[in-house]
Amino acid sequence: MRNLLLLTLCLVPLAPAWAGKYNKTLSIGDPAPAWSDLPGVDGKQHSLADFKDRDVLVIVFSCNTCLYAQDHEDRLMALQKKFNESDTCALIAICSNKVKDDLLPAMTERANQRGFNFPYVHDETQQVARAHGATYTPEFVVLDKDRKVVYLGAMD
């Protein structure tokens, strides 16, 4: 019994590494990591709390320079258009890259050119992406009303 207790005590610190099969940080049912004050292409600061009145929040980790992310832009705008009709869901895109073409000025230019109808924000410290276990673009995290994770992965 003592050996089992020692083994358990040694493995508990490793539990976060076993968070999920596909996302090593978050699992379905986990509370969403809080974040705030991310600068957006609209000149405003954005926070998770800004969406408290929405039943569903889709967070998309995206960027300007990824061809796969670019391929999803029209679909993201169409999804946000549907969300606007119901007023119960919202979508936000977060860019955590630090290359010049993925910094806020370039993000603003792309959002204006493409006519993004959703908030597009920059995670300058990459802390939001790390907290969500985001490792590629586009990567999706869907949250329910209680801000629990209900989906992690690709759009399809």
N, C-alpha and C. Protein backbone atom coordinates (compact mmCIF):
# COMPACT_ATOMS: atom_id res chain seq x y z
N MET A 1 0.82 -1.19 0.00
CA MET A 1 0.00 0.00 0.00
C MET A 1 0.87 1.26 0.00
N ARG A 2 1.94 1.22 0.77
CA ARG A 2 2.84 2.37 0.84
C ARG A 2 3.46 2.66 -0.53
N ASN A 3 3.83 1.61 -1.27
CA ASN A 3 4.41 1.79 -2.60
C ASN A 3 3.40 2.42 -3.56
N LEU A 4 2.15 2.02 -3.45
CA LEU A 4 1.10 2.59 -4.30
C LEU A 4 0.93 4.08 -4.00
N LEU A 5 0.97 4.44 -2.71
CA LEU A 5 0.86 5.84 -2.32
C LEU A 5 2.04 6.64 -2.86
N LEU A 6 3.24 6.11 -2.75
CA LEU A 6 4.42 6.80 -3.27
C LEU A 6 4.35 6.96 -4.78
N LEU A 7 3.92 5.93 -5.48
CA LEU A 7 3.78 6.00 -6.93
C LEU A 7 2.77 7.07 -7.31
N THR A 8 1.65 7.10 -6.60
CA THR A 8 0.61 8.10 -6.87
C THR A 8 1.15 9.51 -6.65
N LEU A 9 1.85 9.72 -5.56
CA LEU A 9 2.41 11.04 -5.27
C LEU A 9 3.44 11.46 -6.31
N CYS A 10 4.16 10.50 -6.86
CA CYS A 10 5.14 10.83 -7.89
C CYS A 10 4.48 11.14 -9.23
N LEU A 11 3.35 10.51 -9.51
CA LEU A 11 2.70 10.69 -10.80
C LEU A 11 1.75 11.88 -10.85
N VAL A 12 1.26 12.33 -9.72
CA VAL A 12 0.31 13.45 -9.71
C VAL A 12 0.86 14.69 -10.41
N PRO A 13 2.13 15.07 -10.19
CA PRO A 13 2.63 16.24 -10.92
C PRO A 13 2.65 16.05 -12.44
N LEU A 14 2.64 14.83 -12.90
CA LEU A 14 2.65 14.58 -14.33
C LEU A 14 1.25 14.58 -14.94
N ALA A 15 0.21 14.64 -14.12
CA ALA A 15 -1.16 14.57 -14.62
C ALA A 15 -1.47 15.57 -15.72
N PRO A 16 -1.02 16.84 -15.63
CA PRO A 16 -1.32 17.77 -16.73
C PRO A 16 -0.78 17.29 -18.08
N ALA A 17 0.29 16.53 -18.07
CA ALA A 17 0.84 16.03 -19.33
C ALA A 17 -0.09 14.99 -19.96
N TRP A 18 -0.98 14.42 -19.14
CA TRP A 18 -1.91 13.42 -19.63
C TRP A 18 -3.30 14.02 -19.83
N ALA A 19 -3.39 15.30 -20.00
CA ALA A 19 -4.68 15.99 -20.03
C ALA A 19 -5.64 15.41 -21.05
N GLY A 20 -5.18 15.10 -22.22
CA GLY A 20 -6.07 14.56 -23.23
C GLY A 20 -5.30 13.80 -24.28
N LYS A 21 -6.03 12.99 -25.00
CA LYS A 21 -5.40 12.17 -26.02
C LYS A 21 -4.83 13.03 -27.16
N TYR A 22 -5.57 14.07 -27.55
CA TYR A 22 -5.16 14.87 -28.70
C TYR A 22 -4.64 16.25 -28.30
N ASN A 23 -5.04 16.73 -27.17
CA ASN A 23 -4.58 18.02 -26.68
C ASN A 23 -3.95 17.75 -25.32
N LYS A 24 -2.68 17.99 -25.21
CA LYS A 24 -1.96 17.64 -23.99
C LYS A 24 -2.19 18.62 -22.84
N THR A 25 -2.97 19.67 -23.09
CA THR A 25 -3.21 20.67 -22.07
C THR A 25 -4.65 20.64 -21.57
N LEU A 26 -5.61 20.54 -22.49
CA LEU A 26 -7.03 20.57 -22.14
C LEU A 26 -7.71 19.28 -22.53
N SER A 27 -8.79 18.98 -21.82
CA SER A 27 -9.66 17.86 -22.15
C SER A 27 -11.09 18.36 -22.20
N ILE A 28 -11.94 17.60 -22.85
CA ILE A 28 -13.36 17.91 -22.86
C ILE A 28 -13.85 17.95 -21.41
N GLY A 29 -14.62 18.99 -21.09
CA GLY A 29 -15.14 19.16 -19.75
C GLY A 29 -14.30 20.08 -18.87
N ASP A 30 -13.08 20.37 -19.28
CA ASP A 30 -12.23 21.28 -18.50
C ASP A 30 -12.77 22.70 -18.57
N PRO A 31 -12.57 23.48 -17.51
CA PRO A 31 -12.92 24.90 -17.60
C PRO A 31 -11.97 25.62 -18.56
N ALA A 32 -12.50 26.57 -19.27
CA ALA A 32 -11.68 27.33 -20.22
C ALA A 32 -10.68 28.20 -19.47
N PRO A 33 -9.45 28.24 -19.95
CA PRO A 33 -8.48 29.17 -19.36
C PRO A 33 -8.96 30.61 -19.57
N ALA A 34 -8.88 31.41 -18.54
CA ALA A 34 -9.27 32.82 -18.66
C ALA A 34 -8.19 33.60 -19.39
N TRP A 35 -8.60 34.62 -20.11
CA TRP A 35 -7.66 35.51 -20.79
C TRP A 35 -8.32 36.88 -20.90
N SER A 36 -7.47 37.88 -21.00
CA SER A 36 -8.00 39.25 -21.08
C SER A 36 -7.00 40.16 -21.78
N ASP A 37 -7.54 41.29 -22.21
CA ASP A 37 -6.75 42.38 -22.76
C ASP A 37 -5.91 42.01 -23.98
N LEU A 38 -6.48 41.20 -24.86
CA LEU A 38 -5.78 40.92 -26.12
C LEU A 38 -6.15 42.00 -27.12
N PRO A 39 -5.16 42.65 -27.72
CA PRO A 39 -5.46 43.71 -28.68
C PRO A 39 -6.05 43.15 -29.97
N GLY A 40 -7.11 43.81 -30.43
CA GLY A 40 -7.79 43.36 -31.64
C GLY A 40 -7.53 44.26 -32.83
N VAL A 41 -7.86 43.75 -34.00
CA VAL A 41 -7.71 44.53 -35.23
C VAL A 41 -8.67 45.72 -35.25
N ASP A 42 -9.66 45.71 -34.37
CA ASP A 42 -10.62 46.81 -34.27
C ASP A 42 -10.16 47.91 -33.32
N GLY A 43 -8.94 47.79 -32.79
CA GLY A 43 -8.40 48.78 -31.87
C GLY A 43 -8.86 48.62 -30.44
N LYS A 44 -9.64 47.60 -30.15
CA LYS A 44 -10.15 47.35 -28.80
C LYS A 44 -9.38 46.20 -28.15
N GLN A 45 -9.51 46.14 -26.83
CA GLN A 45 -8.97 45.02 -26.06
C GLN A 45 -10.09 44.00 -25.87
N HIS A 46 -9.76 42.72 -26.01
CA HIS A 46 -10.78 41.67 -25.92
C HIS A 46 -10.43 40.68 -24.82
N SER A 47 -11.49 40.17 -24.16
CA SER A 47 -11.35 39.23 -23.06
C SER A 47 -12.37 38.12 -23.19
N LEU A 48 -12.11 37.00 -22.56
CA LEU A 48 -13.07 35.91 -22.53
C LEU A 48 -14.39 36.40 -21.95
N ALA A 49 -14.32 37.25 -20.94
CA ALA A 49 -15.52 37.76 -20.28
C ALA A 49 -16.42 38.58 -21.22
N ASP A 50 -15.87 39.08 -22.32
CA ASP A 50 -16.68 39.85 -23.28
C ASP A 50 -17.80 39.02 -23.88
N PHE A 51 -17.67 37.71 -23.81
CA PHE A 51 -18.62 36.81 -24.46
C PHE A 51 -19.54 36.11 -23.45
N LYS A 52 -19.63 36.64 -22.25
CA LYS A 52 -20.39 35.98 -21.19
C LYS A 52 -21.87 35.80 -21.52
N ASP A 53 -22.41 36.62 -22.41
CA ASP A 53 -23.83 36.51 -22.77
C ASP A 53 -24.08 35.50 -23.89
N ARG A 54 -23.05 34.89 -24.41
CA ARG A 54 -23.19 33.92 -25.50
C ARG A 54 -23.18 32.50 -24.94
N ASP A 55 -24.07 31.66 -25.47
CA ASP A 55 -24.16 30.26 -25.02
C ASP A 55 -22.99 29.43 -25.51
N VAL A 56 -22.47 29.77 -26.67
CA VAL A 56 -21.36 29.02 -27.27
C VAL A 56 -20.31 30.02 -27.76
N LEU A 57 -19.06 29.70 -27.49
CA LEU A 57 -17.96 30.51 -28.00
C LEU A 57 -17.00 29.59 -28.74
N VAL A 58 -16.74 29.92 -29.99
CA VAL A 58 -15.77 29.19 -30.79
C VAL A 58 -14.50 30.04 -30.83
N ILE A 59 -13.42 29.48 -30.32
CA ILE A 59 -12.11 30.13 -30.37
C ILE A 59 -11.32 29.44 -31.46
N VAL A 60 -10.80 30.24 -32.39
CA VAL A 60 -10.01 29.70 -33.49
C VAL A 60 -8.60 30.26 -33.36
N PHE A 61 -7.64 29.39 -33.20
CA PHE A 61 -6.25 29.82 -33.24
C PHE A 61 -5.85 29.83 -34.71
N SER A 62 -5.55 31.00 -35.21
CA SER A 62 -5.33 31.20 -36.63
C SER A 62 -4.17 32.17 -36.84
N CYS A 63 -3.91 32.51 -38.09
CA CYS A 63 -2.89 33.50 -38.40
C CYS A 63 -3.02 33.90 -39.86
N ASN A 64 -2.29 34.91 -40.25
CA ASN A 64 -2.31 35.38 -41.63
C ASN A 64 -1.53 34.49 -42.58
N THR A 65 -0.44 33.91 -42.11
CA THR A 65 0.54 33.30 -43.01
C THR A 65 0.33 31.82 -43.28
N CYS A 66 -0.55 31.17 -42.57
CA CYS A 66 -0.79 29.74 -42.77
C CYS A 66 -1.81 29.54 -43.90
N LEU A 67 -1.42 28.81 -44.91
CA LEU A 67 -2.32 28.57 -46.04
C LEU A 67 -3.58 27.84 -45.62
N TYR A 68 -3.47 26.92 -44.68
CA TYR A 68 -4.65 26.21 -44.18
C TYR A 68 -5.59 27.17 -43.47
N ALA A 69 -5.02 28.07 -42.68
CA ALA A 69 -5.85 29.06 -41.99
C ALA A 69 -6.53 29.98 -43.00
N GLN A 70 -5.80 30.38 -44.02
CA GLN A 70 -6.39 31.23 -45.06
C GLN A 70 -7.55 30.52 -45.75
N ASP A 71 -7.41 29.23 -45.98
CA ASP A 71 -8.47 28.45 -46.62
C ASP A 71 -9.75 28.40 -45.79
N HIS A 72 -9.65 28.64 -44.50
CA HIS A 72 -10.82 28.59 -43.62
C HIS A 72 -11.51 29.95 -43.45
N GLU A 73 -10.90 31.02 -43.91
CA GLU A 73 -11.44 32.36 -43.63
C GLU A 73 -12.87 32.55 -44.12
N ASP A 74 -13.18 32.15 -45.34
CA ASP A 74 -14.55 32.31 -45.85
C ASP A 74 -15.54 31.52 -45.00
N ARG A 75 -15.14 30.33 -44.60
CA ARG A 75 -16.03 29.51 -43.77
C ARG A 75 -16.22 30.11 -42.39
N LEU A 76 -15.17 30.72 -41.85
CA LEU A 76 -15.30 31.37 -40.55
C LEU A 76 -16.26 32.56 -40.63
N MET A 77 -16.14 33.34 -41.70
CA MET A 77 -17.05 34.48 -41.87
C MET A 77 -18.49 34.01 -42.05
N ALA A 78 -18.70 32.92 -42.78
CA ALA A 78 -20.05 32.37 -42.96
C ALA A 78 -20.60 31.86 -41.63
N LEU A 79 -19.75 31.21 -40.85
CA LEU A 79 -20.18 30.72 -39.54
C LEU A 79 -20.56 31.88 -38.63
N GLN A 80 -19.74 32.93 -38.60
CA GLN A 80 -20.05 34.09 -37.76
C GLN A 80 -21.34 34.76 -38.23
N LYS A 81 -21.58 34.78 -39.53
CA LYS A 81 -22.83 35.36 -40.05
C LYS A 81 -24.03 34.60 -39.49
N LYS A 82 -23.95 33.28 -39.47
CA LYS A 82 -25.03 32.47 -38.88
C LYS A 82 -25.15 32.75 -37.38
N PHE A 83 -24.00 32.87 -36.72
CA PHE A 83 -24.02 33.16 -35.29
C PHE A 83 -24.70 34.50 -35.02
N ASN A 84 -24.46 35.49 -35.87
CA ASN A 84 -25.07 36.81 -35.70
C ASN A 84 -26.59 36.75 -35.80
N GLU A 85 -27.09 35.82 -36.60
CA GLU A 85 -28.54 35.67 -36.76
C GLU A 85 -29.18 35.15 -35.48
N SER A 86 -28.49 34.28 -34.75
CA SER A 86 -29.06 33.68 -33.53
C SER A 86 -28.72 34.47 -32.28
N ASP A 87 -27.62 35.20 -32.29
CA ASP A 87 -27.17 36.00 -31.16
C ASP A 87 -26.89 35.17 -29.90
N THR A 88 -26.68 33.86 -30.07
CA THR A 88 -26.37 33.01 -28.92
C THR A 88 -24.96 32.44 -29.00
N CYS A 89 -24.33 32.56 -30.15
CA CYS A 89 -22.99 32.01 -30.36
C CYS A 89 -22.07 33.12 -30.87
N ALA A 90 -20.80 32.92 -30.66
CA ALA A 90 -19.81 33.88 -31.16
C ALA A 90 -18.54 33.14 -31.54
N LEU A 91 -17.74 33.81 -32.36
CA LEU A 91 -16.47 33.28 -32.83
C LEU A 91 -15.42 34.36 -32.64
N ILE A 92 -14.25 33.95 -32.20
CA ILE A 92 -13.11 34.86 -32.10
C ILE A 92 -11.88 34.14 -32.62
N ALA A 93 -11.08 34.83 -33.41
CA ALA A 93 -9.83 34.27 -33.93
C ALA A 93 -8.67 34.90 -33.16
N ILE A 94 -7.74 34.05 -32.75
CA ILE A 94 -6.59 34.49 -31.98
C ILE A 94 -5.32 34.09 -32.74
N CYS A 95 -4.46 35.06 -32.98
CA CYS A 95 -3.17 34.81 -33.62
C CYS A 95 -2.09 34.94 -32.55
N SER A 96 -1.28 33.91 -32.42
CA SER A 96 -0.21 33.92 -31.43
C SER A 96 1.18 33.94 -32.05
N ASN A 97 1.24 34.05 -33.35
CA ASN A 97 2.54 34.04 -34.03
C ASN A 97 3.27 35.37 -33.82
N LYS A 98 4.59 35.29 -33.97
CA LYS A 98 5.42 36.48 -33.75
C LYS A 98 6.19 36.91 -35.00
N VAL A 99 5.91 36.30 -36.14
CA VAL A 99 6.56 36.75 -37.37
C VAL A 99 5.89 38.03 -37.85
N LYS A 100 6.63 38.84 -38.57
CA LYS A 100 6.15 40.17 -38.97
C LYS A 100 4.78 40.14 -39.65
N ASP A 101 4.56 39.19 -40.54
CA ASP A 101 3.30 39.13 -41.28
C ASP A 101 2.13 38.62 -40.45
N ASP A 102 2.40 38.25 -39.18
CA ASP A 102 1.34 37.82 -38.27
C ASP A 102 1.20 38.74 -37.06
N LEU A 103 1.83 39.89 -37.10
CA LEU A 103 1.69 40.87 -36.02
C LEU A 103 0.46 41.74 -36.28
N LEU A 104 0.04 42.48 -35.28
CA LEU A 104 -1.21 43.22 -35.33
C LEU A 104 -1.38 44.13 -36.55
N PRO A 105 -0.37 44.87 -36.98
CA PRO A 105 -0.58 45.70 -38.18
C PRO A 105 -0.96 44.87 -39.42
N ALA A 106 -0.27 43.76 -39.62
CA ALA A 106 -0.59 42.90 -40.76
C ALA A 106 -1.93 42.21 -40.57
N MET A 107 -2.25 41.85 -39.34
CA MET A 107 -3.56 41.25 -39.05
C MET A 107 -4.68 42.23 -39.38
N THR A 108 -4.48 43.48 -39.00
CA THR A 108 -5.49 44.51 -39.27
C THR A 108 -5.69 44.69 -40.76
N GLU A 109 -4.59 44.73 -41.48
CA GLU A 109 -4.68 44.88 -42.95
C GLU A 109 -5.44 43.70 -43.56
N ARG A 110 -5.12 42.49 -43.14
CA ARG A 110 -5.80 41.30 -43.70
C ARG A 110 -7.27 41.30 -43.33
N ALA A 111 -7.58 41.62 -42.10
CA ALA A 111 -8.99 41.63 -41.66
C ALA A 111 -9.79 42.65 -42.46
N ASN A 112 -9.20 43.80 -42.72
CA ASN A 112 -9.89 44.83 -43.51
C ASN A 112 -10.06 44.40 -44.96
N GLN A 113 -9.01 43.83 -45.54
CA GLN A 113 -9.08 43.37 -46.93
C GLN A 113 -10.12 42.28 -47.12
N ARG A 114 -10.17 41.35 -46.18
CA ARG A 114 -11.06 40.20 -46.29
C ARG A 114 -12.46 40.48 -45.73
N GLY A 115 -12.60 41.53 -44.93
CA GLY A 115 -13.90 41.85 -44.37
C GLY A 115 -14.31 40.93 -43.22
N PHE A 116 -13.35 40.60 -42.37
CA PHE A 116 -13.66 39.73 -41.23
C PHE A 116 -14.81 40.32 -40.42
N ASN A 117 -15.77 39.48 -40.07
CA ASN A 117 -16.92 39.90 -39.28
C ASN A 117 -16.87 39.34 -37.86
N PHE A 118 -15.70 38.98 -37.44
CA PHE A 118 -15.48 38.43 -36.11
C PHE A 118 -14.24 39.10 -35.52
N PRO A 119 -14.13 39.12 -34.20
CA PRO A 119 -12.92 39.69 -33.60
C PRO A 119 -11.69 38.86 -33.96
N TYR A 120 -10.63 39.56 -34.29
CA TYR A 120 -9.35 38.93 -34.63
C TYR A 120 -8.33 39.61 -33.73
N VAL A 121 -7.75 38.85 -32.81
CA VAL A 121 -6.90 39.43 -31.78
C VAL A 121 -5.52 38.80 -31.79
N HIS A 122 -4.58 39.53 -31.20
CA HIS A 122 -3.20 39.06 -31.15
C HIS A 122 -2.82 38.69 -29.73
N ASP A 123 -2.30 37.48 -29.58
CA ASP A 123 -1.81 36.94 -28.31
C ASP A 123 -0.30 37.16 -28.28
N GLU A 124 0.10 38.37 -27.94
CA GLU A 124 1.51 38.77 -28.03
C GLU A 124 2.45 37.89 -27.23
N THR A 125 2.01 37.42 -26.07
CA THR A 125 2.88 36.62 -25.20
C THR A 125 2.78 35.12 -25.48
N GLN A 126 1.85 34.73 -26.30
CA GLN A 126 1.56 33.33 -26.62
C GLN A 126 1.02 32.55 -25.43
N GLN A 127 0.70 33.24 -24.35
CA GLN A 127 0.20 32.57 -23.15
C GLN A 127 -1.19 31.97 -23.36
N VAL A 128 -2.03 32.63 -24.14
CA VAL A 128 -3.38 32.13 -24.37
C VAL A 128 -3.31 30.83 -25.19
N ALA A 129 -2.49 30.84 -26.21
CA ALA A 129 -2.33 29.62 -27.02
C ALA A 129 -1.78 28.48 -26.17
N ARG A 130 -0.78 28.76 -25.35
CA ARG A 130 -0.21 27.72 -24.50
C ARG A 130 -1.24 27.18 -23.51
N ALA A 131 -2.03 28.08 -22.92
CA ALA A 131 -3.04 27.66 -21.94
C ALA A 131 -4.10 26.76 -22.57
N HIS A 132 -4.34 26.93 -23.87
CA HIS A 132 -5.32 26.12 -24.58
C HIS A 132 -4.70 24.91 -25.27
N GLY A 133 -3.38 24.80 -25.22
CA GLY A 133 -2.71 23.69 -25.86
C GLY A 133 -2.71 23.78 -27.38
N ALA A 134 -2.87 24.98 -27.91
CA ALA A 134 -2.91 25.17 -29.37
C ALA A 134 -1.50 25.01 -29.93
N THR A 135 -1.39 24.15 -30.94
CA THR A 135 -0.07 23.88 -31.52
C THR A 135 -0.03 24.05 -33.03
N TYR A 136 -1.16 24.29 -33.66
CA TYR A 136 -1.20 24.48 -35.11
C TYR A 136 -2.33 25.44 -35.47
N THR A 137 -2.36 25.86 -36.72
CA THR A 137 -3.45 26.72 -37.19
C THR A 137 -4.06 26.09 -38.43
N PRO A 138 -5.37 26.22 -38.59
CA PRO A 138 -6.31 26.66 -37.57
C PRO A 138 -6.62 25.53 -36.59
N GLU A 139 -6.77 25.88 -35.35
CA GLU A 139 -7.13 24.93 -34.29
C GLU A 139 -8.31 25.52 -33.54
N PHE A 140 -9.30 24.70 -33.24
CA PHE A 140 -10.56 25.16 -32.68
C PHE A 140 -10.77 24.65 -31.26
N VAL A 141 -11.30 25.54 -30.43
CA VAL A 141 -11.74 25.20 -29.08
C VAL A 141 -13.16 25.74 -28.96
N VAL A 142 -14.10 24.87 -28.63
CA VAL A 142 -15.49 25.29 -28.49
C VAL A 142 -15.86 25.20 -27.02
N LEU A 143 -16.45 26.30 -26.52
CA LEU A 143 -16.84 26.40 -25.12
C LEU A 143 -18.35 26.52 -25.00
N ASP A 144 -18.91 25.92 -23.95
CA ASP A 144 -20.34 26.04 -23.71
C ASP A 144 -20.63 27.25 -22.81
N LYS A 145 -21.88 27.41 -22.43
CA LYS A 145 -22.32 28.57 -21.62
C LYS A 145 -21.54 28.67 -20.31
N ASP A 146 -21.21 27.51 -19.73
CA ASP A 146 -20.46 27.49 -18.47
C ASP A 146 -18.96 27.65 -18.69
N ARG A 147 -18.57 27.88 -19.95
CA ARG A 147 -17.18 28.04 -20.37
C ARG A 147 -16.35 26.80 -20.04
N LYS A 148 -16.99 25.68 -20.32
CA LYS A 148 -16.32 24.38 -20.27
C LYS A 148 -16.01 23.97 -21.70
N VAL A 149 -14.90 23.28 -21.90
CA VAL A 149 -14.50 22.82 -23.22
C VAL A 149 -15.43 21.68 -23.65
N VAL A 150 -16.05 21.87 -24.84
CA VAL A 150 -16.90 20.81 -25.40
C VAL A 150 -16.32 20.23 -26.68
N TYR A 151 -15.34 20.91 -27.27
CA TYR A 151 -14.71 20.40 -28.49
C TYR A 151 -13.31 20.98 -28.62
N LEU A 152 -12.40 20.13 -29.09
CA LEU A 152 -11.03 20.52 -29.38
C LEU A 152 -10.63 19.89 -30.70
N GLY A 153 -10.07 20.67 -31.62
CA GLY A 153 -9.58 20.06 -32.85
C GLY A 153 -9.78 20.91 -34.08
N ALA A 154 -9.98 20.22 -35.19
CA ALA A 154 -10.13 20.87 -36.49
C ALA A 154 -11.57 21.33 -36.69
N MET A 155 -11.78 22.14 -37.73
CA MET A 155 -13.13 22.63 -38.02
C MET A 155 -14.05 21.49 -38.44
N ASP A 156 -13.53 20.57 -39.17
CA ASP A 156 -14.37 19.45 -39.67
C ASP A 156 -14.11 18.19 -38.87
